[in-house]
Amino acid sequence: MIFVTVGTTHKPFNSLLKALDAFSETHRTDILAQIGYATYLPVHYRWFRFCSHEELEQYLQNAELVISHGGLAIIGECLRSGKSLIVVPREPHEAVNPQEELVSFLAQRGYLDYVASPEHLKPYLIGKKRPKQRKFDFNTRIPELVAQYVEQVLTNPVNGNIV
């Protein structure tokens, strides 16, 4: 199964869903998509709008391949599990936050495959190309260091101002 997720932002990611639907019209593919607030409703594959975190984990576990928007949460879930991930960043008008910079950074380091537009997914969908499956090393002190910094700023404000 190919699991597709567009996240939970209020902006639809119709271009990705349409491209997958056009592909599915002529190719027999098992696709399940979380479509969020999409205004486009897929015809040729299964979909739902939202799910719980537990359901999301189950879909990811069962997926052979994950296609996603460039949101940090889903990227983190896939990196943690070592799941093959193809990211199609949202266009600026479809995104709340820019996604291309993070996705490009992780793709250059071999953690995911970056596809600039949904039209470039076909080699993956027909099995001619497989995305990288490199598990990210979460053994880092960065979260701890950020927490220490925030605590320091909050307990020792500069000039009496809390930043």
N, C-alpha and C. Protein backbone atom coordinates (compact mmCIF):
# COMPACT_ATOMS: atom_id res chain seq x y z
N MET A 1 0.84 -1.18 0.00
CA MET A 1 0.00 0.00 0.00
C MET A 1 0.88 1.25 0.00
N ILE A 2 0.44 2.24 -0.75
CA ILE A 2 1.07 3.56 -0.73
C ILE A 2 0.20 4.44 0.15
N PHE A 3 0.81 5.01 1.18
CA PHE A 3 0.08 5.91 2.07
C PHE A 3 0.47 7.34 1.73
N VAL A 4 -0.54 8.17 1.52
CA VAL A 4 -0.34 9.57 1.18
C VAL A 4 -0.92 10.41 2.29
N THR A 5 -0.18 11.43 2.71
CA THR A 5 -0.71 12.32 3.73
C THR A 5 -0.40 13.77 3.36
N VAL A 6 -1.41 14.61 3.50
CA VAL A 6 -1.24 16.03 3.20
C VAL A 6 -1.28 16.88 4.47
N GLY A 7 -1.36 16.23 5.62
CA GLY A 7 -1.32 16.96 6.88
C GLY A 7 -2.66 17.54 7.30
N THR A 8 -2.59 18.40 8.30
CA THR A 8 -3.82 18.92 8.91
C THR A 8 -3.97 20.42 8.77
N THR A 9 -3.09 21.06 8.01
CA THR A 9 -3.24 22.49 7.81
C THR A 9 -4.55 22.79 7.08
N HIS A 10 -5.09 23.96 7.30
CA HIS A 10 -6.39 24.31 6.73
C HIS A 10 -6.33 24.55 5.22
N LYS A 11 -5.15 24.62 4.64
CA LYS A 11 -5.02 24.83 3.20
C LYS A 11 -4.99 23.49 2.48
N PRO A 12 -5.78 23.34 1.43
CA PRO A 12 -5.80 22.07 0.69
C PRO A 12 -4.53 21.88 -0.13
N PHE A 13 -4.20 20.61 -0.39
CA PHE A 13 -3.07 20.26 -1.26
C PHE A 13 -3.65 19.49 -2.44
N ASN A 14 -4.54 20.13 -3.17
CA ASN A 14 -5.28 19.49 -4.25
C ASN A 14 -4.38 19.01 -5.39
N SER A 15 -3.29 19.72 -5.67
CA SER A 15 -2.45 19.34 -6.81
C SER A 15 -1.87 17.94 -6.63
N LEU A 16 -1.47 17.58 -5.43
CA LEU A 16 -0.94 16.23 -5.18
C LEU A 16 -2.05 15.19 -5.34
N LEU A 17 -3.20 15.44 -4.76
CA LEU A 17 -4.30 14.48 -4.82
C LEU A 17 -4.79 14.28 -6.25
N LYS A 18 -4.85 15.34 -7.04
CA LYS A 18 -5.27 15.24 -8.45
C LYS A 18 -4.28 14.42 -9.27
N ALA A 19 -2.99 14.67 -9.06
CA ALA A 19 -1.97 13.93 -9.82
C ALA A 19 -2.05 12.44 -9.52
N LEU A 20 -2.23 12.09 -8.25
CA LEU A 20 -2.35 10.67 -7.88
C LEU A 20 -3.62 10.05 -8.44
N ASP A 21 -4.69 10.83 -8.48
CA ASP A 21 -5.95 10.33 -9.03
C ASP A 21 -5.82 10.08 -10.54
N ALA A 22 -5.15 10.99 -11.24
CA ALA A 22 -4.94 10.81 -12.68
C ALA A 22 -4.11 9.56 -12.94
N PHE A 23 -3.08 9.33 -12.13
CA PHE A 23 -2.27 8.12 -12.26
C PHE A 23 -3.11 6.88 -11.98
N SER A 24 -3.88 6.92 -10.91
CA SER A 24 -4.69 5.76 -10.49
C SER A 24 -5.79 5.42 -11.48
N GLU A 25 -6.18 6.37 -12.29
CA GLU A 25 -7.22 6.12 -13.29
C GLU A 25 -6.74 5.11 -14.33
N THR A 26 -5.44 5.12 -14.63
CA THR A 26 -4.91 4.24 -15.67
C THR A 26 -3.99 3.14 -15.14
N HIS A 27 -3.66 3.18 -13.85
CA HIS A 27 -2.77 2.18 -13.25
C HIS A 27 -3.42 1.62 -11.99
N ARG A 28 -3.39 0.31 -11.87
CA ARG A 28 -3.96 -0.31 -10.68
C ARG A 28 -2.97 -0.19 -9.53
N THR A 29 -3.30 0.64 -8.56
CA THR A 29 -2.41 0.91 -7.44
C THR A 29 -3.22 0.98 -6.16
N ASP A 30 -2.68 0.42 -5.09
CA ASP A 30 -3.33 0.47 -3.79
C ASP A 30 -2.85 1.72 -3.05
N ILE A 31 -3.66 2.77 -3.12
CA ILE A 31 -3.34 4.04 -2.47
C ILE A 31 -4.41 4.34 -1.42
N LEU A 32 -3.94 4.77 -0.26
CA LEU A 32 -4.81 5.27 0.79
C LEU A 32 -4.29 6.66 1.14
N ALA A 33 -5.18 7.66 1.15
CA ALA A 33 -4.73 9.03 1.38
C ALA A 33 -5.51 9.71 2.49
N GLN A 34 -4.76 10.44 3.29
CA GLN A 34 -5.33 11.36 4.28
C GLN A 34 -5.35 12.70 3.56
N ILE A 35 -6.56 13.25 3.29
CA ILE A 35 -6.67 14.41 2.42
C ILE A 35 -6.94 15.72 3.17
N GLY A 36 -7.12 15.67 4.47
CA GLY A 36 -7.31 16.90 5.23
C GLY A 36 -8.44 17.77 4.71
N TYR A 37 -8.13 19.04 4.50
CA TYR A 37 -9.13 20.01 4.06
C TYR A 37 -9.22 20.15 2.55
N ALA A 38 -8.81 19.14 1.82
CA ALA A 38 -8.85 19.20 0.36
C ALA A 38 -10.25 19.51 -0.14
N THR A 39 -10.30 20.27 -1.20
CA THR A 39 -11.58 20.51 -1.87
C THR A 39 -11.75 19.54 -3.03
N TYR A 40 -10.65 18.91 -3.44
CA TYR A 40 -10.69 17.87 -4.47
C TYR A 40 -10.85 16.52 -3.77
N LEU A 41 -11.82 15.75 -4.22
CA LEU A 41 -12.06 14.43 -3.63
C LEU A 41 -11.65 13.35 -4.63
N PRO A 42 -10.66 12.54 -4.28
CA PRO A 42 -10.18 11.49 -5.18
C PRO A 42 -11.29 10.50 -5.55
N VAL A 43 -11.22 10.02 -6.79
CA VAL A 43 -12.20 9.08 -7.31
C VAL A 43 -11.63 7.67 -7.42
N HIS A 44 -10.33 7.55 -7.70
CA HIS A 44 -9.74 6.27 -8.05
C HIS A 44 -8.88 5.64 -6.95
N TYR A 45 -8.93 6.17 -5.75
CA TYR A 45 -8.25 5.55 -4.61
C TYR A 45 -8.97 5.90 -3.32
N ARG A 46 -8.69 5.12 -2.27
CA ARG A 46 -9.34 5.30 -0.98
C ARG A 46 -8.78 6.53 -0.27
N TRP A 47 -9.65 7.20 0.50
CA TRP A 47 -9.20 8.39 1.21
C TRP A 47 -10.04 8.61 2.46
N PHE A 48 -9.51 9.43 3.36
CA PHE A 48 -10.22 9.91 4.55
C PHE A 48 -9.65 11.28 4.86
N ARG A 49 -10.35 12.05 5.66
CA ARG A 49 -9.88 13.41 5.95
C ARG A 49 -8.84 13.46 7.07
N PHE A 50 -9.16 12.92 8.24
CA PHE A 50 -8.27 12.99 9.41
C PHE A 50 -8.30 11.67 10.16
N CYS A 51 -7.28 11.46 11.00
CA CYS A 51 -7.24 10.26 11.82
C CYS A 51 -6.48 10.57 13.10
N SER A 52 -6.56 9.66 14.04
CA SER A 52 -5.82 9.81 15.30
C SER A 52 -4.35 9.51 15.07
N HIS A 53 -3.52 9.88 16.03
CA HIS A 53 -2.08 9.58 15.93
C HIS A 53 -1.84 8.07 15.89
N GLU A 54 -2.62 7.33 16.64
CA GLU A 54 -2.48 5.88 16.66
C GLU A 54 -2.81 5.29 15.29
N GLU A 55 -3.87 5.79 14.66
CA GLU A 55 -4.23 5.31 13.32
C GLU A 55 -3.13 5.67 12.32
N LEU A 56 -2.60 6.88 12.44
CA LEU A 56 -1.53 7.30 11.54
C LEU A 56 -0.33 6.36 11.67
N GLU A 57 0.05 6.03 12.89
CA GLU A 57 1.17 5.10 13.09
C GLU A 57 0.90 3.76 12.43
N GLN A 58 -0.34 3.29 12.51
CA GLN A 58 -0.70 2.01 11.88
C GLN A 58 -0.61 2.10 10.36
N TYR A 59 -1.11 3.18 9.78
CA TYR A 59 -1.02 3.36 8.32
C TYR A 59 0.44 3.40 7.88
N LEU A 60 1.27 4.11 8.64
CA LEU A 60 2.69 4.19 8.29
C LEU A 60 3.35 2.82 8.38
N GLN A 61 3.02 2.07 9.42
CA GLN A 61 3.59 0.74 9.59
C GLN A 61 3.22 -0.18 8.43
N ASN A 62 1.98 -0.09 7.96
CA ASN A 62 1.50 -0.97 6.89
C ASN A 62 1.92 -0.52 5.50
N ALA A 63 2.39 0.70 5.36
CA ALA A 63 2.72 1.25 4.05
C ALA A 63 4.06 0.72 3.54
N GLU A 64 4.09 0.42 2.26
CA GLU A 64 5.35 0.09 1.59
C GLU A 64 6.07 1.38 1.23
N LEU A 65 5.31 2.41 1.01
CA LEU A 65 5.83 3.70 0.57
C LEU A 65 4.95 4.79 1.13
N VAL A 66 5.56 5.91 1.53
CA VAL A 66 4.82 7.05 2.03
C VAL A 66 5.12 8.24 1.12
N ILE A 67 4.06 8.91 0.71
CA ILE A 67 4.18 10.16 -0.04
C ILE A 67 3.55 11.23 0.82
N SER A 68 4.29 12.32 1.02
CA SER A 68 3.84 13.31 1.98
C SER A 68 4.12 14.73 1.51
N HIS A 69 3.44 15.65 2.15
CA HIS A 69 3.78 17.06 2.04
C HIS A 69 5.06 17.27 2.85
N GLY A 70 5.56 18.48 2.92
CA GLY A 70 6.83 18.70 3.60
C GLY A 70 6.71 19.14 5.04
N GLY A 71 5.70 18.68 5.74
CA GLY A 71 5.52 19.05 7.14
C GLY A 71 6.48 18.32 8.06
N LEU A 72 6.97 19.02 9.05
CA LEU A 72 7.97 18.47 9.96
C LEU A 72 7.46 17.26 10.74
N ALA A 73 6.21 17.26 11.17
CA ALA A 73 5.70 16.16 11.99
C ALA A 73 5.73 14.83 11.24
N ILE A 74 5.21 14.80 10.02
CA ILE A 74 5.18 13.52 9.29
C ILE A 74 6.58 13.11 8.87
N ILE A 75 7.42 14.07 8.52
CA ILE A 75 8.80 13.74 8.17
C ILE A 75 9.48 13.10 9.39
N GLY A 76 9.28 13.68 10.56
CA GLY A 76 9.86 13.12 11.78
C GLY A 76 9.38 11.71 12.05
N GLU A 77 8.09 11.46 11.87
CA GLU A 77 7.55 10.10 12.09
C GLU A 77 8.22 9.10 11.15
N CYS A 78 8.37 9.47 9.90
CA CYS A 78 8.98 8.56 8.92
C CYS A 78 10.47 8.37 9.19
N LEU A 79 11.17 9.42 9.56
CA LEU A 79 12.60 9.31 9.86
C LEU A 79 12.82 8.41 11.07
N ARG A 80 11.96 8.54 12.07
CA ARG A 80 12.07 7.72 13.29
C ARG A 80 11.90 6.24 12.97
N SER A 81 11.00 5.94 12.06
CA SER A 81 10.70 4.54 11.76
C SER A 81 11.53 3.97 10.62
N GLY A 82 12.27 4.83 9.93
CA GLY A 82 13.05 4.36 8.78
C GLY A 82 12.19 4.05 7.57
N LYS A 83 11.00 4.62 7.53
CA LYS A 83 10.05 4.37 6.45
C LYS A 83 10.46 5.11 5.18
N SER A 84 10.37 4.46 4.03
CA SER A 84 10.66 5.10 2.74
C SER A 84 9.70 6.26 2.53
N LEU A 85 10.27 7.43 2.23
CA LEU A 85 9.46 8.64 2.16
C LEU A 85 9.80 9.46 0.92
N ILE A 86 8.76 9.85 0.21
CA ILE A 86 8.89 10.79 -0.89
C ILE A 86 8.11 12.03 -0.46
N VAL A 87 8.77 13.17 -0.51
CA VAL A 87 8.13 14.41 -0.10
C VAL A 87 7.91 15.30 -1.32
N VAL A 88 6.69 15.79 -1.43
CA VAL A 88 6.32 16.77 -2.44
C VAL A 88 5.95 18.03 -1.65
N PRO A 89 6.86 18.99 -1.56
CA PRO A 89 6.54 20.19 -0.78
C PRO A 89 5.35 20.94 -1.38
N ARG A 90 4.58 21.50 -0.51
CA ARG A 90 3.47 22.32 -0.96
C ARG A 90 4.00 23.55 -1.68
N GLU A 91 3.25 24.01 -2.64
CA GLU A 91 3.56 25.29 -3.29
C GLU A 91 3.33 26.39 -2.25
N PRO A 92 4.01 27.53 -2.37
CA PRO A 92 3.84 28.60 -1.38
C PRO A 92 2.38 28.98 -1.10
N HIS A 93 1.53 28.99 -2.13
CA HIS A 93 0.12 29.34 -1.93
C HIS A 93 -0.67 28.23 -1.22
N GLU A 94 -0.10 27.02 -1.14
CA GLU A 94 -0.76 25.88 -0.49
C GLU A 94 -0.23 25.64 0.93
N ALA A 95 0.80 26.39 1.33
CA ALA A 95 1.48 26.11 2.60
C ALA A 95 1.26 27.22 3.61
N VAL A 96 1.28 26.83 4.88
CA VAL A 96 1.25 27.79 5.98
C VAL A 96 2.69 28.25 6.24
N ASN A 97 3.62 27.30 6.20
CA ASN A 97 5.05 27.57 6.38
C ASN A 97 5.80 27.06 5.16
N PRO A 98 6.91 27.73 4.80
CA PRO A 98 7.71 27.22 3.67
C PRO A 98 8.22 25.82 3.98
N GLN A 99 8.19 24.94 2.99
CA GLN A 99 8.59 23.55 3.20
C GLN A 99 9.81 23.15 2.40
N GLU A 100 10.11 23.86 1.35
CA GLU A 100 11.15 23.44 0.43
C GLU A 100 12.55 23.39 1.06
N GLU A 101 12.88 24.32 1.94
CA GLU A 101 14.22 24.38 2.53
C GLU A 101 14.52 23.14 3.38
N LEU A 102 13.61 22.77 4.27
CA LEU A 102 13.80 21.59 5.11
C LEU A 102 13.89 20.33 4.26
N VAL A 103 12.99 20.20 3.32
CA VAL A 103 12.94 19.00 2.47
C VAL A 103 14.23 18.87 1.66
N SER A 104 14.68 19.95 1.10
CA SER A 104 15.91 19.95 0.32
C SER A 104 17.11 19.55 1.19
N PHE A 105 17.18 20.10 2.39
CA PHE A 105 18.26 19.79 3.34
C PHE A 105 18.30 18.30 3.63
N LEU A 106 17.15 17.69 3.95
CA LEU A 106 17.10 16.27 4.30
C LEU A 106 17.34 15.38 3.09
N ALA A 107 16.88 15.81 1.93
CA ALA A 107 17.11 15.02 0.71
C ALA A 107 18.59 14.99 0.35
N GLN A 108 19.28 16.12 0.50
CA GLN A 108 20.71 16.17 0.20
C GLN A 108 21.51 15.23 1.11
N ARG A 109 20.99 14.96 2.30
CA ARG A 109 21.67 14.08 3.24
C ARG A 109 21.19 12.64 3.17
N GLY A 110 20.30 12.36 2.22
CA GLY A 110 19.89 10.99 1.96
C GLY A 110 18.80 10.42 2.84
N TYR A 111 18.02 11.27 3.51
CA TYR A 111 16.99 10.78 4.42
C TYR A 111 15.63 10.60 3.74
N LEU A 112 15.43 11.24 2.62
CA LEU A 112 14.16 11.15 1.91
C LEU A 112 14.39 11.54 0.46
N ASP A 113 13.40 11.29 -0.35
CA ASP A 113 13.45 11.74 -1.74
C ASP A 113 12.54 12.95 -1.89
N TYR A 114 13.03 13.91 -2.60
CA TYR A 114 12.35 15.19 -2.82
C TYR A 114 11.89 15.24 -4.27
N VAL A 115 10.61 15.41 -4.46
CA VAL A 115 10.04 15.53 -5.79
C VAL A 115 9.43 16.92 -5.88
N ALA A 116 9.92 17.73 -6.79
CA ALA A 116 9.53 19.14 -6.86
C ALA A 116 8.05 19.35 -7.17
N SER A 117 7.44 18.42 -7.90
CA SER A 117 6.02 18.56 -8.20
C SER A 117 5.39 17.18 -8.30
N PRO A 118 4.09 17.09 -8.10
CA PRO A 118 3.41 15.79 -8.13
C PRO A 118 3.57 15.04 -9.46
N GLU A 119 3.76 15.77 -10.53
CA GLU A 119 3.90 15.14 -11.84
C GLU A 119 5.15 14.26 -11.94
N HIS A 120 6.12 14.46 -11.05
CA HIS A 120 7.36 13.70 -11.08
C HIS A 120 7.32 12.43 -10.21
N LEU A 121 6.15 12.04 -9.75
CA LEU A 121 6.01 10.85 -8.90
C LEU A 121 5.95 9.53 -9.68
N LYS A 122 5.64 9.58 -10.97
CA LYS A 122 5.38 8.36 -11.74
C LYS A 122 6.47 7.29 -11.62
N PRO A 123 7.79 7.61 -11.72
CA PRO A 123 8.79 6.54 -11.59
C PRO A 123 8.70 5.79 -10.26
N TYR A 124 8.29 6.47 -9.21
CA TYR A 124 8.12 5.82 -7.91
C TYR A 124 6.85 4.97 -7.90
N LEU A 125 5.80 5.49 -8.48
CA LEU A 125 4.51 4.80 -8.46
C LEU A 125 4.52 3.52 -9.30
N ILE A 126 5.32 3.49 -10.36
CA ILE A 126 5.38 2.27 -11.18
C ILE A 126 6.52 1.36 -10.75
N GLY A 127 7.26 1.74 -9.72
CA GLY A 127 8.30 0.88 -9.17
C GLY A 127 9.66 0.97 -9.84
N LYS A 128 9.84 1.91 -10.75
CA LYS A 128 11.14 2.05 -11.42
C LYS A 128 12.16 2.75 -10.53
N LYS A 129 11.68 3.45 -9.55
CA LYS A 129 12.57 4.18 -8.65
C LYS A 129 12.08 3.97 -7.23
N ARG A 130 13.01 3.71 -6.31
CA ARG A 130 12.68 3.54 -4.90
C ARG A 130 13.33 4.64 -4.09
N PRO A 131 12.60 5.20 -3.12
CA PRO A 131 13.20 6.26 -2.30
C PRO A 131 14.20 5.69 -1.29
N LYS A 132 15.03 6.57 -0.80
CA LYS A 132 16.01 6.19 0.22
C LYS A 132 15.27 5.75 1.49
N GLN A 133 15.90 4.92 2.25
CA GLN A 133 15.30 4.47 3.51
C GLN A 133 16.38 4.51 4.58
N ARG A 134 16.81 5.71 4.92
CA ARG A 134 17.87 5.91 5.90
C ARG A 134 17.26 6.39 7.19
N LYS A 135 17.50 5.68 8.26
CA LYS A 135 16.94 6.04 9.55
C LYS A 135 17.75 7.18 10.16
N PHE A 136 17.07 8.18 10.65
CA PHE A 136 17.70 9.34 11.26
C PHE A 136 18.15 9.01 12.67
N ASP A 137 19.33 9.47 13.06
CA ASP A 137 19.85 9.24 14.41
C ASP A 137 19.31 10.31 15.34
N PHE A 138 18.40 9.92 16.20
CA PHE A 138 17.80 10.88 17.14
C PHE A 138 18.59 10.98 18.44
N ASN A 139 19.75 10.36 18.51
CA ASN A 139 20.61 10.47 19.69
C ASN A 139 21.40 11.77 19.60
N THR A 140 20.75 12.85 19.94
CA THR A 140 21.36 14.16 19.86
C THR A 140 21.01 14.96 21.10
N ARG A 141 21.83 15.92 21.42
CA ARG A 141 21.59 16.77 22.58
C ARG A 141 20.88 18.06 22.19
N ILE A 142 20.54 18.24 20.94
CA ILE A 142 19.95 19.50 20.50
C ILE A 142 18.68 19.85 21.28
N PRO A 143 17.69 18.94 21.44
CA PRO A 143 16.51 19.33 22.22
C PRO A 143 16.86 19.76 23.64
N GLU A 144 17.78 19.05 24.26
CA GLU A 144 18.21 19.39 25.62
C GLU A 144 18.86 20.78 25.66
N LEU A 145 19.71 21.08 24.69
CA LEU A 145 20.38 22.38 24.63
C LEU A 145 19.38 23.51 24.38
N VAL A 146 18.40 23.28 23.53
CA VAL A 146 17.37 24.29 23.27
C VAL A 146 16.57 24.54 24.55
N ALA A 147 16.20 23.47 25.25
CA ALA A 147 15.45 23.62 26.51
C ALA A 147 16.26 24.40 27.54
N GLN A 148 17.56 24.11 27.64
CA GLN A 148 18.41 24.84 28.58
C GLN A 148 18.48 26.32 28.22
N TYR A 149 18.59 26.62 26.95
CA TYR A 149 18.65 28.01 26.49
C TYR A 149 17.34 28.74 26.82
N VAL A 150 16.22 28.13 26.53
CA VAL A 150 14.92 28.75 26.80
C VAL A 150 14.77 29.00 28.30
N GLU A 151 15.15 28.02 29.11
CA GLU A 151 15.08 28.19 30.56
C GLU A 151 15.96 29.35 31.01
N GLN A 152 17.14 29.45 30.47
CA GLN A 152 18.07 30.53 30.82
C GLN A 152 17.49 31.89 30.45
N VAL A 153 16.93 32.00 29.28
CA VAL A 153 16.34 33.26 28.84
C VAL A 153 15.16 33.65 29.72
N LEU A 154 14.34 32.67 30.07
CA LEU A 154 13.16 32.95 30.89
C LEU A 154 13.52 33.30 32.34
N THR A 155 14.56 32.71 32.86
CA THR A 155 14.92 32.96 34.27
C THR A 155 15.90 34.13 34.43
N ASN A 156 16.58 34.50 33.37
CA ASN A 156 17.52 35.62 33.42
C ASN A 156 17.28 36.57 32.26
N PRO A 157 16.12 37.22 32.25
CA PRO A 157 15.80 38.10 31.12
C PRO A 157 16.78 39.27 31.01
N VAL A 158 17.06 39.63 29.79
CA VAL A 158 17.94 40.78 29.51
C VAL A 158 17.17 42.05 29.76
N ASN A 159 17.74 42.94 30.58
CA ASN A 159 17.12 44.25 30.89
C ASN A 159 15.70 44.11 31.42
N GLY A 160 15.41 43.00 32.09
CA GLY A 160 14.09 42.82 32.67
C GLY A 160 13.02 42.41 31.68
N ASN A 161 13.35 42.23 30.41
CA ASN A 161 12.38 41.83 29.40
C ASN A 161 12.46 40.34 29.16
N ILE A 162 11.34 39.72 29.05
CA ILE A 162 11.30 38.30 28.67
C ILE A 162 11.20 38.24 27.15
N VAL A 163 12.09 37.50 26.57
CA VAL A 163 12.15 37.42 25.11
C VAL A 163 11.12 36.42 24.62
